[in-house]
Amino acid sequence: MAPGGYIGEFEQMVLLAILQAGDEANGYRVRQELEQAADRTVSKGAFYTTLDRMESKGLVTWDTRPPTEGASSLPQRHFVVTPAGLHELHRSRNALLNLWRGLEEFGGVG
């Protein structure tokens, strides 16, 4: 990431959904996690465009695995958050927590 720049909200949510999905972090599972946890619809186009952008930034990597039983016959991409991705998640979280400090009257953290 560029110095001073932060990852966007959707990028944060994708990284967190990959972490939540763990070893099962294929595209379908990660989108499902996002939609359930964030209560929002995630289009395939926006999702894969974001993943490609995050891969180019070094925030995620992926490998291809054979399909699981019951899945389509095509290999599946499985995603992993890189150490740089974890670093950016922590950096964004810390910045937000710092900005909420002292704002308990608005529902901030204390």
PDB file of N, CA and C in Angstrom:
ATOM      1  N   MET A   1       0.846  -1.191   0.000  1.00  0.00           N
ATOM      2  CA  MET A   1       0.000   0.000   0.000  1.00  0.00           C
ATOM      3  C   MET A   1       0.886   1.247   0.000  1.00  0.00           C
ATOM      4  N   ALA A   2       0.331   2.291  -0.553  1.00  0.00           N
ATOM      5  CA  ALA A   2       1.051   3.554  -0.545  1.00  0.00           C
ATOM      6  C   ALA A   2       1.103   4.094   0.878  1.00  0.00           C
ATOM      7  N   PRO A   3       2.201   4.762   1.249  1.00  0.00           N
ATOM      8  CA  PRO A   3       2.269   5.334   2.594  1.00  0.00           C
ATOM      9  C   PRO A   3       1.090   6.262   2.844  1.00  0.00           C
ATOM     10  N   GLY A   4       0.444   6.080   3.976  1.00  0.00           N
ATOM     11  CA  GLY A   4      -0.680   6.928   4.334  1.00  0.00           C
ATOM     12  C   GLY A   4      -2.018   6.470   3.780  1.00  0.00           C
ATOM     13  N   GLY A   5      -2.000   5.571   2.795  1.00  0.00           N
ATOM     14  CA  GLY A   5      -3.247   5.086   2.221  1.00  0.00           C
ATOM     15  C   GLY A   5      -3.814   3.939   3.041  1.00  0.00           C
ATOM     16  N   TYR A   6      -5.129   3.805   3.012  1.00  0.00           N
ATOM     17  CA  TYR A   6      -5.790   2.723   3.731  1.00  0.00           C
ATOM     18  C   TYR A   6      -6.636   1.925   2.760  1.00  0.00           C
ATOM     19  N   ILE A   7      -6.830   0.686   3.091  1.00  0.00           N
ATOM     20  CA  ILE A   7      -7.700  -0.141   2.270  1.00  0.00           C
ATOM     21  C   ILE A   7      -9.142   0.290   2.499  1.00  0.00           C
ATOM     22  N   GLY A   8      -9.960   0.113   1.479  1.00  0.00           N
ATOM     23  CA  GLY A   8     -11.353   0.531   1.564  1.00  0.00           C
ATOM     24  C   GLY A   8     -12.203  -0.439   2.364  1.00  0.00           C
ATOM     25  N   GLU A   9     -13.420  -0.009   2.627  1.00  0.00           N
ATOM     26  CA  GLU A   9     -14.348  -0.810   3.430  1.00  0.00           C
ATOM     27  C   GLU A   9     -14.608  -2.181   2.806  1.00  0.00           C
ATOM     28  N   PHE A  10     -14.867  -2.227   1.504  1.00  0.00           N
ATOM     29  CA  PHE A  10     -15.170  -3.509   0.868  1.00  0.00           C
ATOM     30  C   PHE A  10     -13.938  -4.413   0.884  1.00  0.00           C
ATOM     31  N   GLU A  11     -12.765  -3.844   0.659  1.00  0.00           N
ATOM     32  CA  GLU A  11     -11.537  -4.636   0.740  1.00  0.00           C
ATOM     33  C   GLU A  11     -11.368  -5.220   2.143  1.00  0.00           C
ATOM     34  N   GLN A  12     -11.638  -4.425   3.164  1.00  0.00           N
ATOM     35  CA  GLN A  12     -11.559  -4.922   4.534  1.00  0.00           C
ATOM     36  C   GLN A  12     -12.517  -6.096   4.731  1.00  0.00           C
ATOM     37  N   MET A  13     -13.733  -5.938   4.237  1.00  0.00           N
ATOM     38  CA  MET A  13     -14.731  -6.992   4.418  1.00  0.00           C
ATOM     39  C   MET A  13     -14.333  -8.263   3.666  1.00  0.00           C
ATOM     40  N   VAL A  14     -13.768  -8.116   2.472  1.00  0.00           N
ATOM     41  CA  VAL A  14     -13.326  -9.297   1.721  1.00  0.00           C
ATOM     42  C   VAL A  14     -12.195 -10.003   2.466  1.00  0.00           C
ATOM     43  N   LEU A  15     -11.226  -9.244   2.951  1.00  0.00           N
ATOM     44  CA  LEU A  15     -10.121  -9.856   3.706  1.00  0.00           C
ATOM     45  C   LEU A  15     -10.638 -10.577   4.954  1.00  0.00           C
ATOM     46  N   LEU A  16     -11.551  -9.948   5.661  1.00  0.00           N
ATOM     47  CA  LEU A  16     -12.105 -10.571   6.868  1.00  0.00           C
ATOM     48  C   LEU A  16     -12.915 -11.820   6.526  1.00  0.00           C
ATOM     49  N   ALA A  17     -13.657 -11.785   5.426  1.00  0.00           N
ATOM     50  CA  ALA A  17     -14.432 -12.959   5.010  1.00  0.00           C
ATOM     51  C   ALA A  17     -13.510 -14.110   4.610  1.00  0.00           C
ATOM     52  N   ILE A  18     -12.386 -13.798   3.972  1.00  0.00           N
ATOM     53  CA  ILE A  18     -11.411 -14.846   3.641  1.00  0.00           C
ATOM     54  C   ILE A  18     -10.880 -15.470   4.922  1.00  0.00           C
ATOM     55  N   LEU A  19     -10.542 -14.633   5.893  1.00  0.00           N
ATOM     56  CA  LEU A  19     -10.045 -15.158   7.166  1.00  0.00           C
ATOM     57  C   LEU A  19     -11.111 -16.006   7.859  1.00  0.00           C
ATOM     58  N   GLN A  20     -12.366 -15.557   7.828  1.00  0.00           N
ATOM     59  CA  GLN A  20     -13.458 -16.324   8.447  1.00  0.00           C
ATOM     60  C   GLN A  20     -13.629 -17.683   7.769  1.00  0.00           C
ATOM     61  N   ALA A  21     -13.496 -17.718   6.445  1.00  0.00           N
ATOM     62  CA  ALA A  21     -13.700 -18.962   5.700  1.00  0.00           C
ATOM     63  C   ALA A  21     -12.542 -19.936   5.885  1.00  0.00           C
ATOM     64  N   GLY A  22     -11.383 -19.440   6.269  1.00  0.00           N
ATOM     65  CA  GLY A  22     -10.237 -20.308   6.533  1.00  0.00           C
ATOM     66  C   GLY A  22      -9.832 -21.130   5.328  1.00  0.00           C
ATOM     67  N   ASP A  23      -9.646 -22.424   5.532  1.00  0.00           N
ATOM     68  CA  ASP A  23      -9.174 -23.316   4.468  1.00  0.00           C
ATOM     69  C   ASP A  23     -10.226 -23.506   3.376  1.00  0.00           C
ATOM     70  N   GLU A  24     -11.442 -23.114   3.641  1.00  0.00           N
ATOM     71  CA  GLU A  24     -12.535 -23.250   2.658  1.00  0.00           C
ATOM     72  C   GLU A  24     -12.776 -21.943   1.904  1.00  0.00           C
ATOM     73  N   ALA A  25     -11.778 -21.077   1.826  1.00  0.00           N
ATOM     74  CA  ALA A  25     -11.951 -19.733   1.265  1.00  0.00           C
ATOM     75  C   ALA A  25     -11.931 -19.728  -0.263  1.00  0.00           C
ATOM     76  N   ASN A  26     -12.878 -20.431  -0.865  1.00  0.00           N
ATOM     77  CA  ASN A  26     -13.038 -20.314  -2.310  1.00  0.00           C
ATOM     78  C   ASN A  26     -13.983 -19.149  -2.591  1.00  0.00           C
ATOM     79  N   GLY A  27     -14.112 -18.786  -3.855  1.00  0.00           N
ATOM     80  CA  GLY A  27     -14.923 -17.628  -4.207  1.00  0.00           C
ATOM     81  C   GLY A  27     -16.353 -17.710  -3.703  1.00  0.00           C
ATOM     82  N   TYR A  28     -16.984 -18.863  -3.887  1.00  0.00           N
ATOM     83  CA  TYR A  28     -18.374 -19.014  -3.459  1.00  0.00           C
ATOM     84  C   TYR A  28     -18.509 -18.840  -1.954  1.00  0.00           C
ATOM     85  N   ARG A  29     -17.647 -19.507  -1.206  1.00  0.00           N
ATOM     86  CA  ARG A  29     -17.729 -19.458   0.265  1.00  0.00           C
ATOM     87  C   ARG A  29     -17.463 -18.057   0.802  1.00  0.00           C
ATOM     88  N   VAL A  30     -16.488 -17.363   0.219  1.00  0.00           N
ATOM     89  CA  VAL A  30     -16.159 -16.015   0.686  1.00  0.00           C
ATOM     90  C   VAL A  30     -17.308 -15.058   0.377  1.00  0.00           C
ATOM     91  N   ARG A  31     -17.892 -15.147  -0.822  1.00  0.00           N
ATOM     92  CA  ARG A  31     -19.050 -14.301  -1.151  1.00  0.00           C
ATOM     93  C   ARG A  31     -20.215 -14.600  -0.216  1.00  0.00           C
ATOM     94  N   GLN A  32     -20.435 -15.877   0.084  1.00  0.00           N
ATOM     95  CA  GLN A  32     -21.515 -16.281   0.990  1.00  0.00           C
ATOM     96  C   GLN A  32     -21.277 -15.677   2.384  1.00  0.00           C
ATOM     97  N   GLU A  33     -20.048 -15.749   2.863  1.00  0.00           N
ATOM     98  CA  GLU A  33     -19.685 -15.179   4.172  1.00  0.00           C
ATOM     99  C   GLU A  33     -19.943 -13.668   4.184  1.00  0.00           C
ATOM    100  N   LEU A  34     -19.544 -12.996   3.117  1.00  0.00           N
ATOM    101  CA  LEU A  34     -19.767 -11.547   3.010  1.00  0.00           C
ATOM    102  C   LEU A  34     -21.254 -11.209   3.043  1.00  0.00           C
ATOM    103  N   GLU A  35     -22.021 -11.928   2.245  1.00  0.00           N
ATOM    104  CA  GLU A  35     -23.444 -11.623   2.155  1.00  0.00           C
ATOM    105  C   GLU A  35     -24.161 -11.865   3.478  1.00  0.00           C
ATOM    106  N   GLN A  36     -23.798 -12.927   4.170  1.00  0.00           N
ATOM    107  CA  GLN A  36     -24.447 -13.233   5.446  1.00  0.00           C
ATOM    108  C   GLN A  36     -24.007 -12.268   6.546  1.00  0.00           C
ATOM    109  N   ALA A  37     -22.709 -12.065   6.676  1.00  0.00           N
ATOM    110  CA  ALA A  37     -22.195 -11.245   7.773  1.00  0.00           C
ATOM    111  C   ALA A  37     -22.508  -9.761   7.584  1.00  0.00           C
ATOM    112  N   ALA A  38     -22.447  -9.287   6.349  1.00  0.00           N
ATOM    113  CA  ALA A  38     -22.648  -7.865   6.094  1.00  0.00           C
ATOM    114  C   ALA A  38     -24.070  -7.548   5.655  1.00  0.00           C
ATOM    115  N   ASP A  39     -24.886  -8.581   5.499  1.00  0.00           N
ATOM    116  CA  ASP A  39     -26.281  -8.411   5.086  1.00  0.00           C
ATOM    117  C   ASP A  39     -26.380  -7.548   3.829  1.00  0.00           C
ATOM    118  N   ARG A  40     -25.602  -7.944   2.812  1.00  0.00           N
ATOM    119  CA  ARG A  40     -25.622  -7.232   1.542  1.00  0.00           C
ATOM    120  C   ARG A  40     -25.360  -8.192   0.404  1.00  0.00           C
ATOM    121  N   THR A  41     -25.872  -7.867  -0.762  1.00  0.00           N
ATOM    122  CA  THR A  41     -25.641  -8.668  -1.949  1.00  0.00           C
ATOM    123  C   THR A  41     -24.299  -8.275  -2.550  1.00  0.00           C
ATOM    124  N   VAL A  42     -23.530  -9.274  -2.958  1.00  0.00           N
ATOM    125  CA  VAL A  42     -22.215  -9.024  -3.538  1.00  0.00           C
ATOM    126  C   VAL A  42     -22.210  -9.607  -4.947  1.00  0.00           C
ATOM    127  N   SER A  43     -22.072  -8.757  -5.949  1.00  0.00           N
ATOM    128  CA  SER A  43     -22.045  -9.246  -7.327  1.00  0.00           C
ATOM    129  C   SER A  43     -20.715  -9.942  -7.603  1.00  0.00           C
ATOM    130  N   LYS A  44     -20.763 -10.942  -8.461  1.00  0.00           N
ATOM    131  CA  LYS A  44     -19.538 -11.654  -8.824  1.00  0.00           C
ATOM    132  C   LYS A  44     -18.519 -10.707  -9.433  1.00  0.00           C
ATOM    133  N   GLY A  45     -18.982  -9.798 -10.292  1.00  0.00           N
ATOM    134  CA  GLY A  45     -18.065  -8.876 -10.959  1.00  0.00           C
ATOM    135  C   GLY A  45     -17.304  -8.002  -9.984  1.00  0.00           C
ATOM    136  N   ALA A  46     -18.024  -7.372  -9.069  1.00  0.00           N
ATOM    137  CA  ALA A  46     -17.375  -6.504  -8.080  1.00  0.00           C
ATOM    138  C   ALA A  46     -16.445  -7.309  -7.183  1.00  0.00           C
ATOM    139  N   PHE A  47     -16.878  -8.506  -6.823  1.00  0.00           N
ATOM    140  CA  PHE A  47     -16.093  -9.358  -5.934  1.00  0.00           C
ATOM    141  C   PHE A  47     -14.765  -9.743  -6.577  1.00  0.00           C
ATOM    142  N   TYR A  48     -14.817 -10.281  -7.798  1.00  0.00           N
ATOM    143  CA  TYR A  48     -13.584 -10.740  -8.445  1.00  0.00           C
ATOM    144  C   TYR A  48     -12.697  -9.583  -8.894  1.00  0.00           C
ATOM    145  N   THR A  49     -13.278  -8.455  -9.243  1.00  0.00           N
ATOM    146  CA  THR A  49     -12.477  -7.270  -9.555  1.00  0.00           C
ATOM    147  C   THR A  49     -11.705  -6.830  -8.315  1.00  0.00           C
ATOM    148  N   THR A  50     -12.380  -6.847  -7.171  1.00  0.00           N
ATOM    149  CA  THR A  50     -11.726  -6.476  -5.907  1.00  0.00           C
ATOM    150  C   THR A  50     -10.618  -7.458  -5.562  1.00  0.00           C
ATOM    151  N   LEU A  51     -10.878  -8.759  -5.718  1.00  0.00           N
ATOM    152  CA  LEU A  51      -9.848  -9.756  -5.438  1.00  0.00           C
ATOM    153  C   LEU A  51      -8.631  -9.570  -6.339  1.00  0.00           C
ATOM    154  N   ASP A  52      -8.857  -9.315  -7.615  1.00  0.00           N
ATOM    155  CA  ASP A  52      -7.737  -9.097  -8.539  1.00  0.00           C
ATOM    156  C   ASP A  52      -6.929  -7.868  -8.131  1.00  0.00           C
ATOM    157  N   ARG A  53      -7.625  -6.798  -7.747  1.00  0.00           N
ATOM    158  CA  ARG A  53      -6.938  -5.575  -7.304  1.00  0.00           C
ATOM    159  C   ARG A  53      -6.129  -5.842  -6.034  1.00  0.00           C
ATOM    160  N   MET A  54      -6.725  -6.596  -5.102  1.00  0.00           N
ATOM    161  CA  MET A  54      -6.025  -6.892  -3.854  1.00  0.00           C
ATOM    162  C   MET A  54      -4.833  -7.814  -4.099  1.00  0.00           C
ATOM    163  N   GLU A  55      -4.958  -8.703  -5.070  1.00  0.00           N
ATOM    164  CA  GLU A  55      -3.813  -9.556  -5.399  1.00  0.00           C
ATOM    165  C   GLU A  55      -2.674  -8.705  -5.960  1.00  0.00           C
ATOM    166  N   SER A  56      -2.997  -7.746  -6.820  1.00  0.00           N
ATOM    167  CA  SER A  56      -1.952  -6.893  -7.392  1.00  0.00           C
ATOM    168  C   SER A  56      -1.288  -6.026  -6.327  1.00  0.00           C
ATOM    169  N   LYS A  57      -2.002  -5.732  -5.240  1.00  0.00           N
ATOM    170  CA  LYS A  57      -1.443  -4.964  -4.117  1.00  0.00           C
ATOM    171  C   LYS A  57      -0.676  -5.862  -3.143  1.00  0.00           C
ATOM    172  N   GLY A  58      -0.734  -7.178  -3.352  1.00  0.00           N
ATOM    173  CA  GLY A  58      -0.039  -8.099  -2.455  1.00  0.00           C
ATOM    174  C   GLY A  58      -0.796  -8.418  -1.181  1.00  0.00           C
ATOM    175  N   LEU A  59      -2.112  -8.165  -1.156  1.00  0.00           N
ATOM    176  CA  LEU A  59      -2.900  -8.394   0.053  1.00  0.00           C
ATOM    177  C   LEU A  59      -3.456  -9.807   0.141  1.00  0.00           C
ATOM    178  N   VAL A  60      -3.622 -10.463  -1.003  1.00  0.00           N
ATOM    179  CA  VAL A  60      -4.109 -11.845  -1.053  1.00  0.00           C
ATOM    180  C   VAL A  60      -3.321 -12.631  -2.092  1.00  0.00           C
ATOM    181  N   THR A  61      -3.302 -13.921  -1.905  1.00  0.00           N
ATOM    182  CA  THR A  61      -2.802 -14.847  -2.920  1.00  0.00           C
ATOM    183  C   THR A  61      -3.870 -15.913  -3.099  1.00  0.00           C
ATOM    184  N   TRP A  62      -3.714 -16.706  -4.133  1.00  0.00           N
ATOM    185  CA  TRP A  62      -4.663 -17.793  -4.336  1.00  0.00           C
ATOM    186  C   TRP A  62      -3.964 -18.945  -5.016  1.00  0.00           C
ATOM    187  N   ASP A  63      -4.555 -20.120  -4.849  1.00  0.00           N
ATOM    188  CA  ASP A  63      -4.100 -21.300  -5.580  1.00  0.00           C
ATOM    189  C   ASP A  63      -5.328 -21.998  -6.146  1.00  0.00           C
ATOM    190  N   THR A  64      -5.089 -22.870  -7.078  1.00  0.00           N
ATOM    191  CA  THR A  64      -6.175 -23.610  -7.711  1.00  0.00           C
ATOM    192  C   THR A  64      -6.204 -25.006  -7.124  1.00  0.00           C
ATOM    193  N   ARG A  65      -7.404 -25.434  -6.740  1.00  0.00           N
ATOM    194  CA  ARG A  65      -7.584 -26.766  -6.158  1.00  0.00           C
ATOM    195  C   ARG A  65      -8.628 -27.529  -6.959  1.00  0.00           C
ATOM    196  N   PRO A  66      -8.516 -28.843  -6.941  1.00  0.00           N
ATOM    197  CA  PRO A  66      -9.550 -29.634  -7.619  1.00  0.00           C
ATOM    198  C   PRO A  66     -10.907 -29.379  -6.971  1.00  0.00           C
ATOM    199  N   PRO A  67     -11.984 -29.551  -7.736  1.00  0.00           N
ATOM    200  CA  PRO A  67     -13.307 -29.318  -7.166  1.00  0.00           C
ATOM    201  C   PRO A  67     -13.616 -30.309  -6.055  1.00  0.00           C
ATOM    202  N   THR A  68     -14.399 -29.845  -5.091  1.00  0.00           N
ATOM    203  CA  THR A  68     -14.836 -30.738  -4.024  1.00  0.00           C
ATOM    204  C   THR A  68     -16.027 -31.536  -4.522  1.00  0.00           C
ATOM    205  N   GLU A  69     -16.328 -32.608  -3.843  1.00  0.00           N
ATOM    206  CA  GLU A  69     -17.448 -33.448  -4.233  1.00  0.00           C
ATOM    207  C   GLU A  69     -18.735 -32.639  -4.228  1.00  0.00           C
ATOM    208  N   GLY A  70     -19.493 -32.766  -5.288  1.00  0.00           N
ATOM    209  CA  GLY A  70     -20.753 -32.041  -5.389  1.00  0.00           C
ATOM    210  C   GLY A  70     -20.600 -30.668  -6.017  1.00  0.00           C
ATOM    211  N   ALA A  71     -19.375 -30.197  -6.187  1.00  0.00           N
ATOM    212  CA  ALA A  71     -19.155 -28.892  -6.805  1.00  0.00           C
ATOM    213  C   ALA A  71     -19.048 -29.075  -8.320  1.00  0.00           C
ATOM    214  N   SER A  72     -18.967 -27.960  -9.038  1.00  0.00           N
ATOM    215  CA  SER A  72     -18.790 -28.055 -10.487  1.00  0.00           C
ATOM    216  C   SER A  72     -17.488 -28.785 -10.777  1.00  0.00           C
ATOM    217  N   SER A  73     -17.333 -29.214 -12.001  1.00  0.00           N
ATOM    218  CA  SER A  73     -16.143 -29.989 -12.354  1.00  0.00           C
ATOM    219  C   SER A  73     -14.927 -29.109 -12.606  1.00  0.00           C
ATOM    220  N   LEU A  74     -15.065 -27.809 -12.436  1.00  0.00           N
ATOM    221  CA  LEU A  74     -13.948 -26.901 -12.661  1.00  0.00           C
ATOM    222  C   LEU A  74     -13.121 -26.735 -11.394  1.00  0.00           C
ATOM    223  N   PRO A  75     -11.807 -26.556 -11.555  1.00  0.00           N
ATOM    224  CA  PRO A  75     -10.980 -26.259 -10.375  1.00  0.00           C
ATOM    225  C   PRO A  75     -11.444 -24.959  -9.730  1.00  0.00           C
ATOM    226  N   GLN A  76     -11.193 -24.836  -8.430  1.00  0.00           N
ATOM    227  CA  GLN A  76     -11.627 -23.662  -7.678  1.00  0.00           C
ATOM    228  C   GLN A  76     -10.425 -22.870  -7.192  1.00  0.00           C
ATOM    229  N   ARG A  77     -10.569 -21.541  -7.230  1.00  0.00           N
ATOM    230  CA  ARG A  77      -9.537 -20.687  -6.640  1.00  0.00           C
ATOM    231  C   ARG A  77      -9.802 -20.589  -5.149  1.00  0.00           C
ATOM    232  N   HIS A  78      -8.766 -20.797  -4.351  1.00  0.00           N
ATOM    233  CA  HIS A  78      -8.842 -20.655  -2.893  1.00  0.00           C
ATOM    234  C   HIS A  78      -7.914 -19.516  -2.502  1.00  0.00           C
ATOM    235  N   PHE A  79      -8.427 -18.635  -1.657  1.00  0.00           N
ATOM    236  CA  PHE A  79      -7.731 -17.399  -1.326  1.00  0.00           C
ATOM    237  C   PHE A  79      -7.129 -17.439   0.067  1.00  0.00           C
ATOM    238  N   VAL A  80      -6.015 -16.731   0.214  1.00  0.00           N
ATOM    239  CA  VAL A  80      -5.316 -16.607   1.493  1.00  0.00           C
ATOM    240  C   VAL A  80      -4.921 -15.143   1.665  1.00  0.00           C
ATOM    241  N   VAL A  81      -5.124 -14.620   2.862  1.00  0.00           N
ATOM    242  CA  VAL A  81      -4.683 -13.265   3.184  1.00  0.00           C
ATOM    243  C   VAL A  81      -3.187 -13.320   3.471  1.00  0.00           C
ATOM    244  N   THR A  82      -2.430 -12.450   2.832  1.00  0.00           N
ATOM    245  CA  THR A  82      -0.979 -12.409   3.022  1.00  0.00           C
ATOM    246  C   THR A  82      -0.631 -11.654   4.306  1.00  0.00           C
ATOM    247  N   PRO A  83       0.617 -11.749   4.750  1.00  0.00           N
ATOM    248  CA  PRO A  83       1.037 -10.929   5.892  1.00  0.00           C
ATOM    249  C   PRO A  83       0.813  -9.431   5.624  1.00  0.00           C
ATOM    250  N   ALA A  84       1.023  -8.988   4.398  1.00  0.00           N
ATOM    251  CA  ALA A  84       0.767  -7.578   4.068  1.00  0.00           C
ATOM    252  C   ALA A  84      -0.722  -7.258   4.199  1.00  0.00           C
ATOM    253  N   GLY A  85      -1.586  -8.195   3.820  1.00  0.00           N
ATOM    254  CA  GLY A  85      -3.025  -8.000   3.973  1.00  0.00           C
ATOM    255  C   GLY A  85      -3.420  -7.897   5.433  1.00  0.00           C
ATOM    256  N   LEU A  86      -2.851  -8.762   6.264  1.00  0.00           N
ATOM    257  CA  LEU A  86      -3.116  -8.695   7.708  1.00  0.00           C
ATOM    258  C   LEU A  86      -2.639  -7.368   8.289  1.00  0.00           C
ATOM    259  N   HIS A  87      -1.469  -6.945   7.855  1.00  0.00           N
ATOM    260  CA  HIS A  87      -0.922  -5.668   8.328  1.00  0.00           C
ATOM    261  C   HIS A  87      -1.874  -4.521   7.990  1.00  0.00           C
ATOM    262  N   GLU A  88      -2.371  -4.496   6.756  1.00  0.00           N
ATOM    263  CA  GLU A  88      -3.276  -3.422   6.343  1.00  0.00           C
ATOM    264  C   GLU A  88      -4.600  -3.478   7.097  1.00  0.00           C
ATOM    265  N   LEU A  89      -5.105  -4.679   7.369  1.00  0.00           N
ATOM    266  CA  LEU A  89      -6.320  -4.806   8.186  1.00  0.00           C
ATOM    267  C   LEU A  89      -6.117  -4.214   9.567  1.00  0.00           C
ATOM    268  N   HIS A  90      -5.005  -4.559  10.200  1.00  0.00           N
ATOM    269  CA  HIS A  90      -4.713  -4.039  11.542  1.00  0.00           C
ATOM    270  C   HIS A  90      -4.529  -2.526  11.513  1.00  0.00           C
ATOM    271  N   ARG A  91      -3.856  -2.034  10.485  1.00  0.00           N
ATOM    272  CA  ARG A  91      -3.626  -0.592  10.365  1.00  0.00           C
ATOM    273  C   ARG A  91      -4.953   0.159  10.234  1.00  0.00           C
ATOM    274  N   SER A  92      -5.843  -0.342   9.400  1.00  0.00           N
ATOM    275  CA  SER A  92      -7.153   0.295   9.224  1.00  0.00           C
ATOM    276  C   SER A  92      -7.974   0.220  10.506  1.00  0.00           C
ATOM    277  N   ARG A  93      -7.959  -0.939  11.143  1.00  0.00           N
ATOM    278  CA  ARG A  93      -8.712  -1.110  12.399  1.00  0.00           C
ATOM    279  C   ARG A  93      -8.212  -0.136  13.461  1.00  0.00           C
ATOM    280  N   ASN A  94      -6.897  -0.052  13.608  1.00  0.00           N
ATOM    281  CA  ASN A  94      -6.329   0.852  14.609  1.00  0.00           C
ATOM    282  C   ASN A  94      -6.679   2.309  14.322  1.00  0.00           C
ATOM    283  N   ALA A  95      -6.645   2.710  13.055  1.00  0.00           N
ATOM    284  CA  ALA A  95      -6.994   4.088  12.701  1.00  0.00           C
ATOM    285  C   ALA A  95      -8.446   4.377  13.078  1.00  0.00           C
ATOM    286  N   LEU A  96      -9.349   3.439  12.775  1.00  0.00           N
ATOM    287  CA  LEU A  96     -10.759   3.645  13.113  1.00  0.00           C
ATOM    288  C   LEU A  96     -10.976   3.685  14.620  1.00  0.00           C
ATOM    289  N   LEU A  97     -10.328   2.779  15.349  1.00  0.00           N
ATOM    290  CA  LEU A  97     -10.466   2.790  16.807  1.00  0.00           C
ATOM    291  C   LEU A  97      -9.950   4.101  17.397  1.00  0.00           C
ATOM    292  N   ASN A  98      -8.839   4.609  16.862  1.00  0.00           N
ATOM    293  CA  ASN A  98      -8.301   5.883  17.340  1.00  0.00           C
ATOM    294  C   ASN A  98      -9.281   7.030  17.067  1.00  0.00           C
ATOM    295  N   LEU A  99      -9.923   6.993  15.911  1.00  0.00           N
ATOM    296  CA  LEU A  99     -10.883   8.048  15.592  1.00  0.00           C
ATOM    297  C   LEU A  99     -12.136   7.962  16.451  1.00  0.00           C
ATOM    298  N   TRP A 100     -12.525   6.762  16.879  1.00  0.00           N
ATOM    299  CA  TRP A 100     -13.697   6.594  17.748  1.00  0.00           C
ATOM    300  C   TRP A 100     -13.395   6.955  19.202  1.00  0.00           C
ATOM    301  N   ARG A 101     -12.115   6.980  19.577  1.00  0.00           N
ATOM    302  CA  ARG A 101     -11.751   7.249  20.969  1.00  0.00           C
ATOM    303  C   ARG A 101     -12.320   8.581  21.432  1.00  0.00           C
ATOM    304  N   GLY A 102     -12.987   8.541  22.570  1.00  0.00           N
ATOM    305  CA  GLY A 102     -13.569   9.742  23.145  1.00  0.00           C
ATOM    306  C   GLY A 102     -14.961  10.067  22.634  1.00  0.00           C
ATOM    307  N   LEU A 103     -15.494   9.227  21.782  1.00  0.00           N
ATOM    308  CA  LEU A 103     -16.810   9.490  21.200  1.00  0.00           C
ATOM    309  C   LEU A 103     -17.876   8.517  21.729  1.00  0.00           C
ATOM    310  N   GLU A 104     -17.747   8.146  22.996  1.00  0.00           N
ATOM    311  CA  GLU A 104     -18.677   7.197  23.595  1.00  0.00           C
ATOM    312  C   GLU A 104     -20.131   7.662  23.459  1.00  0.00           C
ATOM    313  N   GLU A 105     -20.350   8.958  23.518  1.00  0.00           N
ATOM    314  CA  GLU A 105     -21.720   9.476  23.412  1.00  0.00           C
ATOM    315  C   GLU A 105     -22.350   9.159  22.054  1.00  0.00           C
ATOM    316  N   PHE A 106     -21.508   8.838  21.051  1.00  0.00           N
ATOM    317  CA  PHE A 106     -22.005   8.482  19.731  1.00  0.00           C
ATOM    318  C   PHE A 106     -21.899   6.979  19.472  1.00  0.00           C
ATOM    319  N   GLY A 107     -21.648   6.227  20.526  1.00  0.00           N
ATOM    320  CA  GLY A 107     -21.502   4.769  20.370  1.00  0.00           C
ATOM    321  C   GLY A 107     -20.075   4.345  20.091  1.00  0.00           C
ATOM    322  N   GLY A 108     -19.108   5.210  20.400  1.00  0.00           N
ATOM    323  CA  GLY A 108     -17.702   4.886  20.191  1.00  0.00           C
ATOM    324  C   GLY A 108     -17.201   3.866  21.193  1.00  0.00           C
ATOM    325  N   VAL A 109     -16.010   3.397  20.957  1.00  0.00           N
ATOM    326  CA  VAL A 109     -15.390   2.437  21.870  1.00  0.00           C
ATOM    327  C   VAL A 109     -14.591   3.187  22.909  1.00  0.00           C
ATOM    328  N   GLY A 110     -14.458   2.596  24.066  1.00  0.00           N
ATOM    329  CA  GLY A 110     -13.765   3.303  25.126  1.00  0.00           C
ATOM    330  C   GLY A 110     -12.631   2.644  25.636  1.00  0.00           C
TER     331      GLY A 110
END
